[in-house]
PDB file of N, CA and C in Angstrom:
ATOM      1  N   UNK A   1     137.912  76.207  32.446  1.00  0.00           N
ATOM      2  CA  UNK A   1     137.749  77.038  31.501  1.00  0.00           C
ATOM      3  C   UNK A   1     138.691  76.811  30.309  1.00  0.00           C
ATOM      4  N   UNK A   2     138.432  76.587  29.031  1.00  0.00           N
ATOM      5  CA  UNK A   2     139.270  76.382  27.926  1.00  0.00           C
ATOM      6  C   UNK A   2     139.474  77.963  27.355  1.00  0.00           C
ATOM      7  N   UNK A   3     140.782  77.977  27.222  1.00  0.00           N
ATOM      8  CA  UNK A   3     141.342  79.286  26.623  1.00  0.00           C
ATOM      9  C   UNK A   3     141.443  79.182  24.938  1.00  0.00           C
ATOM     10  N   UNK A   4     141.047  80.227  24.376  1.00  0.00           N
ATOM     11  CA  UNK A   4     141.351  80.150  22.900  1.00  0.00           C
ATOM     12  C   UNK A   4     142.919  80.163  22.505  1.00  0.00           C
ATOM     13  N   UNK A   5     143.254  79.296  21.497  1.00  0.00           N
ATOM     14  CA  UNK A   5     144.735  79.279  21.130  1.00  0.00           C
ATOM     15  C   UNK A   5     144.841  80.359  20.177  1.00  0.00           C
ATOM     16  N   UNK A   6     145.894  81.302  20.635  1.00  0.00           N
ATOM     17  CA  UNK A   6     146.134  82.652  19.704  1.00  0.00           C
ATOM     18  C   UNK A   6     146.916  82.435  18.623  1.00  0.00           C
ATOM     19  N   UNK A   7     147.445  81.160  18.261  1.00  0.00           N
ATOM     20  CA  UNK A   7     148.093  80.993  17.149  1.00  0.00           C
ATOM     21  C   UNK A   7     147.333  79.560  16.576  1.00  0.00           C
ATOM     22  N   UNK A   8     146.425  79.994  15.392  1.00  0.00           N
ATOM     23  CA  UNK A   8     145.606  79.160  15.006  1.00  0.00           C
ATOM     24  C   UNK A   8     146.313  77.988  13.960  1.00  0.00           C
ATOM     25  N   UNK A   9     145.954  76.625  14.392  1.00  0.00           N
ATOM     26  CA  UNK A   9     146.780  75.614  13.595  1.00  0.00           C
ATOM     27  C   UNK A   9     146.471  75.663  12.131  1.00  0.00           C
ATOM     28  N   UNK A  10     145.487  76.216  11.673  1.00  0.00           N
ATOM     29  CA  UNK A  10     145.153  76.184  10.254  1.00  0.00           C
ATOM     30  C   UNK A  10     146.066  77.192   9.455  1.00  0.00           C
ATOM     31  N   UNK A  11     146.714  78.139  10.139  1.00  0.00           N
ATOM     32  CA  UNK A  11     147.457  79.180   9.756  1.00  0.00           C
ATOM     33  C   UNK A  11     148.871  78.656   9.669  1.00  0.00           C
ATOM     34  N   UNK A  12     149.266  77.592  10.087  1.00  0.00           N
ATOM     35  CA  UNK A  12     150.588  76.941  10.382  1.00  0.00           C
ATOM     36  C   UNK A  12     150.888  76.062   9.180  1.00  0.00           C
ATOM     37  N   UNK A  13     151.494  76.650   8.221  1.00  0.00           N
ATOM     38  CA  UNK A  13     151.765  75.898   6.740  1.00  0.00           C
ATOM     39  C   UNK A  13     153.321  75.710   6.379  1.00  0.00           C
ATOM     40  N   UNK A  14     154.292  76.521   7.184  1.00  0.00           N
ATOM     41  CA  UNK A  14     155.524  76.529   6.812  1.00  0.00           C
ATOM     42  C   UNK A  14     156.265  75.321   7.533  1.00  0.00           C
ATOM     43  N   UNK A  15     156.870  74.506   6.717  1.00  0.00           N
ATOM     44  CA  UNK A  15     157.753  73.255   7.595  1.00  0.00           C
ATOM     45  C   UNK A  15     158.930  73.864   8.084  1.00  0.00           C
ATOM     46  N   UNK A  16     159.153  73.348   9.278  1.00  0.00           N
ATOM     47  CA  UNK A  16     160.423  73.717  10.168  1.00  0.00           C
ATOM     48  C   UNK A  16     161.082  72.634  10.892  1.00  0.00           C
ATOM     49  N   UNK A  17     162.232  72.678  10.687  1.00  0.00           N
ATOM     50  CA  UNK A  17     162.992  71.679  11.387  1.00  0.00           C
ATOM     51  C   UNK A  17     163.667  72.337  12.856  1.00  0.00           C
ATOM     52  N   UNK A  18     163.441  71.949  13.905  1.00  0.00           N
ATOM     53  CA  UNK A  18     163.827  72.609  15.206  1.00  0.00           C
ATOM     54  C   UNK A  18     164.604  71.736  15.969  1.00  0.00           C
ATOM     55  N   UNK A  19     165.842  72.392  16.485  1.00  0.00           N
ATOM     56  CA  UNK A  19     166.805  71.364  17.508  1.00  0.00           C
ATOM     57  C   UNK A  19     166.985  72.417  18.661  1.00  0.00           C
ATOM     58  N   UNK A  20     166.303  71.880  19.765  1.00  0.00           N
ATOM     59  CA  UNK A  20     166.324  72.854  20.988  1.00  0.00           C
ATOM     60  C   UNK A  20     167.334  72.256  21.967  1.00  0.00           C
ATOM     61  N   UNK A  21     168.459  72.937  22.375  1.00  0.00           N
ATOM     62  CA  UNK A  21     169.546  72.619  23.193  1.00  0.00           C
ATOM     63  C   UNK A  21     169.002  72.820  24.686  1.00  0.00           C
ATOM     64  N   UNK A  22     168.879  71.547  25.403  1.00  0.00           N
ATOM     65  CA  UNK A  22     168.668  71.925  26.787  1.00  0.00           C
ATOM     66  C   UNK A  22     169.694  72.664  27.541  1.00  0.00           C
ATOM     67  N   UNK A  23     169.492  73.276  28.581  1.00  0.00           N
ATOM     68  CA  UNK A  23     170.521  73.831  29.598  1.00  0.00           C
ATOM     69  C   UNK A  23     170.955  72.880  30.407  1.00  0.00           C
ATOM     70  N   UNK A  24     172.281  72.873  30.855  1.00  0.00           N
ATOM     71  CA  UNK A  24     173.006  72.133  31.778  1.00  0.00           C
ATOM     72  C   UNK A  24     173.665  70.899  31.236  1.00  0.00           C
ATOM     73  N   UNK A  25     174.226  70.010  32.127  1.00  0.00           N
ATOM     74  CA  UNK A  25     174.864  68.825  31.790  1.00  0.00           C
ATOM     75  C   UNK A  25     174.236  67.633  32.392  1.00  0.00           C
ATOM     76  N   UNK A  26     174.636  66.300  32.113  1.00  0.00           N
ATOM     77  CA  UNK A  26     174.180  65.111  32.804  1.00  0.00           C
ATOM     78  C   UNK A  26     175.188  64.861  33.971  1.00  0.00           C
ATOM     79  N   UNK A  27     174.875  63.773  34.644  1.00  0.00           N
ATOM     80  CA  UNK A  27     175.680  63.489  35.671  1.00  0.00           C
ATOM     81  C   UNK A  27     177.122  63.327  35.306  1.00  0.00           C
ATOM     82  N   UNK A  28     177.339  62.775  33.991  1.00  0.00           N
ATOM     83  CA  UNK A  28     178.641  62.588  33.479  1.00  0.00           C
ATOM     84  C   UNK A  28     179.637  63.704  33.090  1.00  0.00           C
ATOM     85  N   UNK A  29     178.637  64.963  33.184  1.00  0.00           N
ATOM     86  CA  UNK A  29     179.479  66.307  32.727  1.00  0.00           C
ATOM     87  C   UNK A  29     179.331  66.402  31.024  1.00  0.00           C
ATOM     88  N   UNK A  30     178.436  65.644  30.420  1.00  0.00           N
ATOM     89  CA  UNK A  30     178.019  65.814  28.989  1.00  0.00           C
ATOM     90  C   UNK A  30     176.871  66.595  28.858  1.00  0.00           C
ATOM     91  N   UNK A  31     176.960  67.422  27.636  1.00  0.00           N
ATOM     92  CA  UNK A  31     175.729  68.211  27.574  1.00  0.00           C
ATOM     93  C   UNK A  31     174.634  67.435  27.165  1.00  0.00           C
ATOM     94  N   UNK A  32     173.244  67.660  27.642  1.00  0.00           N
ATOM     95  CA  UNK A  32     172.323  66.904  27.222  1.00  0.00           C
ATOM     96  C   UNK A  32     172.126  66.898  25.656  1.00  0.00           C
ATOM     97  N   UNK A  33     171.460  65.771  25.039  1.00  0.00           N
ATOM     98  CA  UNK A  33     170.880  65.628  23.711  1.00  0.00           C
ATOM     99  C   UNK A  33     169.802  66.510  23.234  1.00  0.00           C
ATOM    100  N   UNK A  34     170.149  67.382  21.980  1.00  0.00           N
ATOM    101  CA  UNK A  34     169.086  68.124  21.653  1.00  0.00           C
ATOM    102  C   UNK A  34     167.760  67.628  21.348  1.00  0.00           C
ATOM    103  N   UNK A  35     166.619  68.404  21.476  1.00  0.00           N
ATOM    104  CA  UNK A  35     165.268  67.844  21.280  1.00  0.00           C
ATOM    105  C   UNK A  35     165.039  68.136  19.761  1.00  0.00           C
ATOM    106  N   UNK A  36     164.781  67.275  19.007  1.00  0.00           N
ATOM    107  CA  UNK A  36     164.666  67.567  17.481  1.00  0.00           C
ATOM    108  C   UNK A  36     163.093  67.589  17.282  1.00  0.00           C
ATOM    109  N   UNK A  37     162.472  68.467  16.664  1.00  0.00           N
ATOM    110  CA  UNK A  37     161.174  68.548  16.129  1.00  0.00           C
ATOM    111  C   UNK A  37     160.912  68.988  14.740  1.00  0.00           C
ATOM    112  N   UNK A  38     160.205  68.316  14.002  1.00  0.00           N
ATOM    113  CA  UNK A  38     159.755  68.478  12.675  1.00  0.00           C
ATOM    114  C   UNK A  38     158.204  68.792  12.645  1.00  0.00           C
ATOM    115  N   UNK A  39     157.973  69.985  12.561  1.00  0.00           N
ATOM    116  CA  UNK A  39     156.636  70.242  12.400  1.00  0.00           C
ATOM    117  C   UNK A  39     156.250  71.573  11.435  1.00  0.00           C
ATOM    118  N   UNK A  40     155.089  72.112  11.562  1.00  0.00           N
ATOM    119  CA  UNK A  40     154.947  73.290  10.858  1.00  0.00           C
ATOM    120  C   UNK A  40     154.443  74.664  11.691  1.00  0.00           C
ATOM    121  N   UNK A  41     154.740  75.728  11.195  1.00  0.00           N
ATOM    122  CA  UNK A  41     154.565  76.758  11.933  1.00  0.00           C
ATOM    123  C   UNK A  41     154.118  78.101  11.287  1.00  0.00           C
ATOM    124  N   UNK A  42     153.770  79.158  11.808  1.00  0.00           N
ATOM    125  CA  UNK A  42     153.438  80.400  11.264  1.00  0.00           C
ATOM    126  C   UNK A  42     154.821  81.180  11.316  1.00  0.00           C
ATOM    127  N   UNK A  43     155.234  81.339   9.973  1.00  0.00           N
ATOM    128  CA  UNK A  43     156.626  82.000  10.002  1.00  0.00           C
ATOM    129  C   UNK A  43     156.498  83.390   9.476  1.00  0.00           C
ATOM    130  N   UNK A  44     157.163  84.318  10.327  1.00  0.00           N
ATOM    131  CA  UNK A  44     157.040  85.584   9.836  1.00  0.00           C
ATOM    132  C   UNK A  44     158.469  86.190   9.587  1.00  0.00           C
ATOM    133  N   UNK A  45     158.837  86.724   8.382  1.00  0.00           N
ATOM    134  CA  UNK A  45     160.224  87.288   8.334  1.00  0.00           C
ATOM    135  C   UNK A  45     160.086  88.675   8.806  1.00  0.00           C
ATOM    136  N   UNK A  46     161.193  89.011   9.523  1.00  0.00           N
ATOM    137  CA  UNK A  46     161.287  90.303   9.894  1.00  0.00           C
ATOM    138  C   UNK A  46     162.665  90.643   9.750  1.00  0.00           C
ATOM    139  N   UNK A  47     163.033  91.947   9.582  1.00  0.00           N
ATOM    140  CA  UNK A  47     164.364  92.497   9.377  1.00  0.00           C
ATOM    141  C   UNK A  47     164.656  93.742  10.346  1.00  0.00           C
ATOM    142  N   UNK A  48     165.753  93.717  11.182  1.00  0.00           N
ATOM    143  CA  UNK A  48     166.108  94.711  11.916  1.00  0.00           C
ATOM    144  C   UNK A  48     167.535  94.934  11.942  1.00  0.00           C
ATOM    145  N   UNK A  49     167.999  96.078  11.626  1.00  0.00           N
ATOM    146  CA  UNK A  49     169.196  96.335  11.616  1.00  0.00           C
ATOM    147  C   UNK A  49     169.827  97.403  12.711  1.00  0.00           C
ATOM    148  N   UNK A  50     170.785  96.779  13.413  1.00  0.00           N
ATOM    149  CA  UNK A  50     171.217  97.546  14.654  1.00  0.00           C
ATOM    150  C   UNK A  50     172.883  97.828  14.641  1.00  0.00           C
ATOM    151  N   UNK A  51     173.104  99.092  14.747  1.00  0.00           N
ATOM    152  CA  UNK A  51     174.574  99.525  14.935  1.00  0.00           C
ATOM    153  C   UNK A  51     175.095  99.482  16.011  1.00  0.00           C
ATOM    154  N   UNK A  52     176.059  98.599  16.297  1.00  0.00           N
ATOM    155  CA  UNK A  52     176.831  98.335  17.575  1.00  0.00           C
ATOM    156  C   UNK A  52     177.750  99.286  17.840  1.00  0.00           C
ATOM    157  N   UNK A  53     178.462  99.227  19.095  1.00  0.00           N
ATOM    158  CA  UNK A  53     179.580 100.004  19.209  1.00  0.00           C
ATOM    159  C   UNK A  53     180.693  99.747  18.432  1.00  0.00           C
ATOM    160  N   UNK A  54     180.773  98.677  17.980  1.00  0.00           N
ATOM    161  CA  UNK A  54     181.932  98.177  17.199  1.00  0.00           C
ATOM    162  C   UNK A  54     181.606  98.507  15.826  1.00  0.00           C
ATOM    163  N   UNK A  55     180.484  99.057  15.252  1.00  0.00           N
ATOM    164  CA  UNK A  55     180.025  99.489  14.109  1.00  0.00           C
ATOM    165  C   UNK A  55     179.730  98.149  13.258  1.00  0.00           C
ATOM    166  N   UNK A  56     179.262  97.373  13.850  1.00  0.00           N
ATOM    167  CA  UNK A  56     178.728  95.929  13.103  1.00  0.00           C
ATOM    168  C   UNK A  56     177.288  96.179  13.005  1.00  0.00           C
ATOM    169  N   UNK A  57     176.725  95.366  12.002  1.00  0.00           N
ATOM    170  CA  UNK A  57     175.318  95.244  11.679  1.00  0.00           C
ATOM    171  C   UNK A  57     174.783  94.024  12.032  1.00  0.00           C
ATOM    172  N   UNK A  58     173.885  93.826  12.757  1.00  0.00           N
ATOM    173  CA  UNK A  58     172.952  92.652  13.016  1.00  0.00           C
ATOM    174  C   UNK A  58     171.842  92.644  12.575  1.00  0.00           C
ATOM    175  N   UNK A  59     171.341  91.484  12.088  1.00  0.00           N
ATOM    176  CA  UNK A  59     169.939  91.642  11.371  1.00  0.00           C
ATOM    177  C   UNK A  59     169.158  90.404  11.961  1.00  0.00           C
ATOM    178  N   UNK A  60     168.168  90.633  12.497  1.00  0.00           N
ATOM    179  CA  UNK A  60     167.145  89.491  13.138  1.00  0.00           C
ATOM    180  C   UNK A  60     166.196  89.148  12.071  1.00  0.00           C
ATOM    181  N   UNK A  61     166.092  87.801  11.885  1.00  0.00           N
ATOM    182  CA  UNK A  61     165.522  87.679  10.552  1.00  0.00           C
ATOM    183  C   UNK A  61     164.226  86.954  10.632  1.00  0.00           C
ATOM    184  N   UNK A  62     163.721  86.535  11.789  1.00  0.00           N
ATOM    185  CA  UNK A  62     162.366  85.907  11.703  1.00  0.00           C
ATOM    186  C   UNK A  62     161.623  85.343  12.880  1.00  0.00           C
ATOM    187  N   UNK A  63     160.407  85.007  12.816  1.00  0.00           N
ATOM    188  CA  UNK A  63     159.741  84.745  14.197  1.00  0.00           C
ATOM    189  C   UNK A  63     159.025  83.543  13.672  1.00  0.00           C
ATOM    190  N   UNK A  64     158.958  82.471  14.386  1.00  0.00           N
ATOM    191  CA  UNK A  64     158.491  81.261  14.265  1.00  0.00           C
ATOM    192  C   UNK A  64     157.322  81.040  15.387  1.00  0.00           C
ATOM    193  N   UNK A  65     155.945  81.002  15.172  1.00  0.00           N
ATOM    194  CA  UNK A  65     154.951  80.682  16.112  1.00  0.00           C
ATOM    195  C   UNK A  65     154.340  79.358  15.768  1.00  0.00           C
ATOM    196  N   UNK A  66     154.179  78.745  17.152  1.00  0.00           N
ATOM    197  CA  UNK A  66     153.623  77.304  17.107  1.00  0.00           C
ATOM    198  C   UNK A  66     152.440  77.285  17.983  1.00  0.00           C
ATOM    199  N   UNK A  67     151.217  76.634  17.624  1.00  0.00           N
ATOM    200  CA  UNK A  67     150.110  76.485  18.691  1.00  0.00           C
ATOM    201  C   UNK A  67     150.452  75.382  19.898  1.00  0.00           C
ATOM    202  N   UNK A  68     150.273  75.760  21.056  1.00  0.00           N
ATOM    203  CA  UNK A  68     150.681  74.912  22.102  1.00  0.00           C
ATOM    204  C   UNK A  68     151.987  74.933  22.416  1.00  0.00           C
ATOM    205  N   UNK A  69     152.498  73.972  23.041  1.00  0.00           N
ATOM    206  CA  UNK A  69     153.807  73.737  23.702  1.00  0.00           C
ATOM    207  C   UNK A  69     154.654  72.779  22.743  1.00  0.00           C
ATOM    208  N   UNK A  70     155.673  73.395  22.172  1.00  0.00           N
ATOM    209  CA  UNK A  70     156.655  72.409  21.132  1.00  0.00           C
ATOM    210  C   UNK A  70     157.229  71.494  22.002  1.00  0.00           C
ATOM    211  N   UNK A  71     157.662  71.816  23.221  1.00  0.00           N
ATOM    212  CA  UNK A  71     158.737  70.903  23.804  1.00  0.00           C
ATOM    213  C   UNK A  71     158.130  70.952  25.383  1.00  0.00           C
ATOM    214  N   UNK A  72     157.176  69.985  25.617  1.00  0.00           N
ATOM    215  CA  UNK A  72     156.423  69.967  26.751  1.00  0.00           C
ATOM    216  C   UNK A  72     157.659  69.441  27.942  1.00  0.00           C
ATOM    217  N   UNK A  73     158.538  68.693  27.632  1.00  0.00           N
ATOM    218  CA  UNK A  73     159.481  68.080  28.383  1.00  0.00           C
ATOM    219  C   UNK A  73     160.693  68.989  29.029  1.00  0.00           C
ATOM    220  N   UNK A  74     160.663  70.268  28.301  1.00  0.00           N
ATOM    221  CA  UNK A  74     161.688  71.168  28.626  1.00  0.00           C
ATOM    222  C   UNK A  74     160.915  72.408  29.305  1.00  0.00           C
ATOM    223  N   UNK A  75     161.719  72.898  30.410  1.00  0.00           N
ATOM    224  CA  UNK A  75     160.997  74.084  31.027  1.00  0.00           C
ATOM    225  C   UNK A  75     161.100  75.225  30.426  1.00  0.00           C
ATOM    226  N   UNK A  76     162.206  75.583  29.499  1.00  0.00           N
ATOM    227  CA  UNK A  76     162.436  76.708  28.805  1.00  0.00           C
ATOM    228  C   UNK A  76     162.941  76.583  27.499  1.00  0.00           C
ATOM    229  N   UNK A  77     162.814  77.419  26.512  1.00  0.00           N
ATOM    230  CA  UNK A  77     163.260  77.122  25.024  1.00  0.00           C
ATOM    231  C   UNK A  77     164.481  78.373  25.038  1.00  0.00           C
ATOM    232  N   UNK A  78     165.634  77.708  25.410  1.00  0.00           N
ATOM    233  CA  UNK A  78     166.768  78.707  25.553  1.00  0.00           C
ATOM    234  C   UNK A  78     167.802  78.852  24.567  1.00  0.00           C
ATOM    235  N   UNK A  79     167.841  77.906  23.643  1.00  0.00           N
ATOM    236  CA  UNK A  79     168.728  77.866  22.693  1.00  0.00           C
ATOM    237  C   UNK A  79     168.823  76.805  21.702  1.00  0.00           C
ATOM    238  N   UNK A  80     169.243  77.041  20.379  1.00  0.00           N
ATOM    239  CA  UNK A  80     169.179  76.120  19.499  1.00  0.00           C
ATOM    240  C   UNK A  80     169.121  76.316  18.041  1.00  0.00           C
ATOM    241  N   UNK A  81     168.886  75.735  17.144  1.00  0.00           N
ATOM    242  CA  UNK A  81     168.613  76.055  15.796  1.00  0.00           C
ATOM    243  C   UNK A  81     167.412  75.802  15.063  1.00  0.00           C
ATOM    244  N   UNK A  82     167.019  76.337  14.092  1.00  0.00           N
ATOM    245  CA  UNK A  82     165.814  76.141  13.274  1.00  0.00           C
ATOM    246  C   UNK A  82     166.182  76.191  11.774  1.00  0.00           C
ATOM    247  N   UNK A  83     165.608  75.416  11.092  1.00  0.00           N
ATOM    248  CA  UNK A  83     165.818  75.464   9.503  1.00  0.00           C
ATOM    249  C   UNK A  83     164.347  75.570   8.954  1.00  0.00           C
ATOM    250  N   UNK A  84     164.325  76.845   8.252  1.00  0.00           N
ATOM    251  CA  UNK A  84     163.268  77.333   7.612  1.00  0.00           C
ATOM    252  C   UNK A  84     163.461  77.750   6.171  1.00  0.00           C
ATOM    253  N   UNK A  85     162.776  77.120   5.178  1.00  0.00           N
ATOM    254  CA  UNK A  85     163.099  77.507   3.793  1.00  0.00           C
ATOM    255  C   UNK A  85     164.447  77.131   3.526  1.00  0.00           C
ATOM    256  N   UNK A  86     165.155  76.197   4.104  1.00  0.00           N
ATOM    257  CA  UNK A  86     166.501  75.693   3.440  1.00  0.00           C
ATOM    258  C   UNK A  86     167.446  76.379   4.376  1.00  0.00           C
ATOM    259  N   UNK A  87     167.300  77.359   5.133  1.00  0.00           N
ATOM    260  CA  UNK A  87     168.176  78.372   5.729  1.00  0.00           C
ATOM    261  C   UNK A  87     168.343  77.899   7.236  1.00  0.00           C
ATOM    262  N   UNK A  88     169.567  77.589   7.502  1.00  0.00           N
ATOM    263  CA  UNK A  88     169.678  77.193   9.111  1.00  0.00           C
ATOM    264  C   UNK A  88     169.930  78.369   9.998  1.00  0.00           C
ATOM    265  N   UNK A  89     169.009  78.732  10.819  1.00  0.00           N
ATOM    266  CA  UNK A  89     169.214  79.872  11.882  1.00  0.00           C
ATOM    267  C   UNK A  89     169.101  79.533  13.276  1.00  0.00           C
ATOM    268  N   UNK A  90     169.923  80.211  14.112  1.00  0.00           N
ATOM    269  CA  UNK A  90     170.003  80.180  15.525  1.00  0.00           C
ATOM    270  C   UNK A  90     168.968  80.933  16.040  1.00  0.00           C
ATOM    271  N   UNK A  91     168.290  80.616  17.296  1.00  0.00           N
ATOM    272  CA  UNK A  91     167.292  81.402  17.970  1.00  0.00           C
ATOM    273  C   UNK A  91     167.976  81.847  19.097  1.00  0.00           C
ATOM    274  N   UNK A  92     167.735  83.125  19.602  1.00  0.00           N
ATOM    275  CA  UNK A  92     168.132  83.911  20.606  1.00  0.00           C
ATOM    276  C   UNK A  92     167.175  84.093  21.793  1.00  0.00           C
ATOM    277  N   UNK A  93     165.960  83.785  21.289  1.00  0.00           N
ATOM    278  CA  UNK A  93     165.050  83.842  22.387  1.00  0.00           C
ATOM    279  C   UNK A  93     163.815  82.926  22.092  1.00  0.00           C
ATOM    280  N   UNK A  94     163.390  82.095  23.091  1.00  0.00           N
ATOM    281  CA  UNK A  94     162.118  81.322  23.074  1.00  0.00           C
ATOM    282  C   UNK A  94     161.294  81.779  24.107  1.00  0.00           C
ATOM    283  N   UNK A  95     159.904  81.710  23.786  1.00  0.00           N
ATOM    284  CA  UNK A  95     158.977  82.278  24.679  1.00  0.00           C
ATOM    285  C   UNK A  95     157.841  81.067  24.703  1.00  0.00           C
ATOM    286  N   UNK A  96     157.518  80.766  26.053  1.00  0.00           N
ATOM    287  CA  UNK A  96     156.271  79.888  25.986  1.00  0.00           C
ATOM    288  C   UNK A  96     155.355  80.718  26.646  1.00  0.00           C
ATOM    289  N   UNK A  97     154.135  81.097  25.790  1.00  0.00           N
ATOM    290  CA  UNK A  97     152.981  82.023  26.172  1.00  0.00           C
ATOM    291  C   UNK A  97     152.023  81.324  27.121  1.00  0.00           C
ATOM    292  N   UNK A  98     151.936  81.635  28.226  1.00  0.00           N
ATOM    293  CA  UNK A  98     150.976  81.016  29.200  1.00  0.00           C
ATOM    294  C   UNK A  98     149.594  81.656  29.422  1.00  0.00           C
ATOM    295  N   UNK A  99     148.678  80.723  29.438  1.00  0.00           N
ATOM    296  CA  UNK A  99     147.290  81.003  29.794  1.00  0.00           C
ATOM    297  C   UNK A  99     147.256  81.337  31.386  1.00  0.00           C
ATOM    298  N   UNK A 100     146.250  82.110  31.813  1.00  0.00           N
ATOM    299  CA  UNK A 100     146.175  82.198  33.370  1.00  0.00           C
ATOM    300  C   UNK A 100     146.187  81.016  34.344  1.00  0.00           C
ATOM    301  N   UNK A 101     145.711  79.919  33.725  1.00  0.00           N
ATOM    302  CA  UNK A 101     145.782  78.637  34.508  1.00  0.00           C
ATOM    303  C   UNK A 101     147.059  78.001  34.600  1.00  0.00           C
ATOM    304  N   UNK A 102     147.991  78.518  33.583  1.00  0.00           N
ATOM    305  CA  UNK A 102     149.442  78.107  33.623  1.00  0.00           C
ATOM    306  C   UNK A 102     149.716  77.077  32.448  1.00  0.00           C
ATOM    307  N   UNK A 103     148.703  76.862  31.683  1.00  0.00           N
ATOM    308  CA  UNK A 103     148.968  76.078  30.597  1.00  0.00           C
ATOM    309  C   UNK A 103     149.525  76.958  29.492  1.00  0.00           C
ATOM    310  N   UNK A 104     150.094  76.174  28.458  1.00  0.00           N
ATOM    311  CA  UNK A 104     150.935  76.934  27.442  1.00  0.00           C
ATOM    312  C   UNK A 104     149.774  77.066  26.013  1.00  0.00           C
ATOM    313  N   UNK A 105     149.896  78.502  26.017  1.00  0.00           N
ATOM    314  CA  UNK A 105     148.996  78.857  24.832  1.00  0.00           C
ATOM    315  C   UNK A 105     149.607  78.837  23.394  1.00  0.00           C
ATOM    316  N   UNK A 106     150.685  79.201  23.399  1.00  0.00           N
ATOM    317  CA  UNK A 106     151.611  79.004  21.925  1.00  0.00           C
ATOM    318  C   UNK A 106     153.060  79.393  22.407  1.00  0.00           C
ATOM    319  N   UNK A 107     153.794  78.818  21.482  1.00  0.00           N
ATOM    320  CA  UNK A 107     155.289  78.896  21.625  1.00  0.00           C
ATOM    321  C   UNK A 107     155.687  79.773  20.616  1.00  0.00           C
ATOM    322  N   UNK A 108     156.903  80.675  20.845  1.00  0.00           N
ATOM    323  CA  UNK A 108     157.336  81.540  20.037  1.00  0.00           C
ATOM    324  C   UNK A 108     158.893  81.566  19.949  1.00  0.00           C
ATOM    325  N   UNK A 109     159.695  81.155  18.783  1.00  0.00           N
ATOM    326  CA  UNK A 109     160.996  81.499  18.562  1.00  0.00           C
ATOM    327  C   UNK A 109     161.453  82.568  17.711  1.00  0.00           C
ATOM    328  N   UNK A 110     162.330  83.196  18.166  1.00  0.00           N
ATOM    329  CA  UNK A 110     162.787  84.409  17.475  1.00  0.00           C
ATOM    330  C   UNK A 110     164.198  84.136  16.961  1.00  0.00           C
ATOM    331  N   UNK A 111     164.304  84.078  15.707  1.00  0.00           N
ATOM    332  CA  UNK A 111     165.484  83.660  14.933  1.00  0.00           C
ATOM    333  C   UNK A 111     166.432  84.609  14.473  1.00  0.00           C
ATOM    334  N   UNK A 112     167.545  84.382  14.191  1.00  0.00           N
ATOM    335  CA  UNK A 112     168.551  85.338  13.761  1.00  0.00           C
ATOM    336  C   UNK A 112     169.465  84.651  12.743  1.00  0.00           C
TER     337      UNK A 112
END
């Protein structure tokens, strides 16, 4: 059975540069090289202000949605940076939303 993609490719019009840093180190103790992706996404600006115990403000600034799996060679999207509209942001959470058969329906990066 083919499942419908929940992030339609025709709505992905925002250019984005993503560098995903894989977890772990190679056999020599060096960190793995980042995976670089130049593509288009459905980008949604969000703003959330949180007051921490140290009285600091943290703003979460956006969500990037991609149809399918943007990094099929990586098991998780755990960290890295994304450049959208000329602004470089780090992402604190990456999600690979899966279909019931285990295939990836869409990928989501939450940026700050």
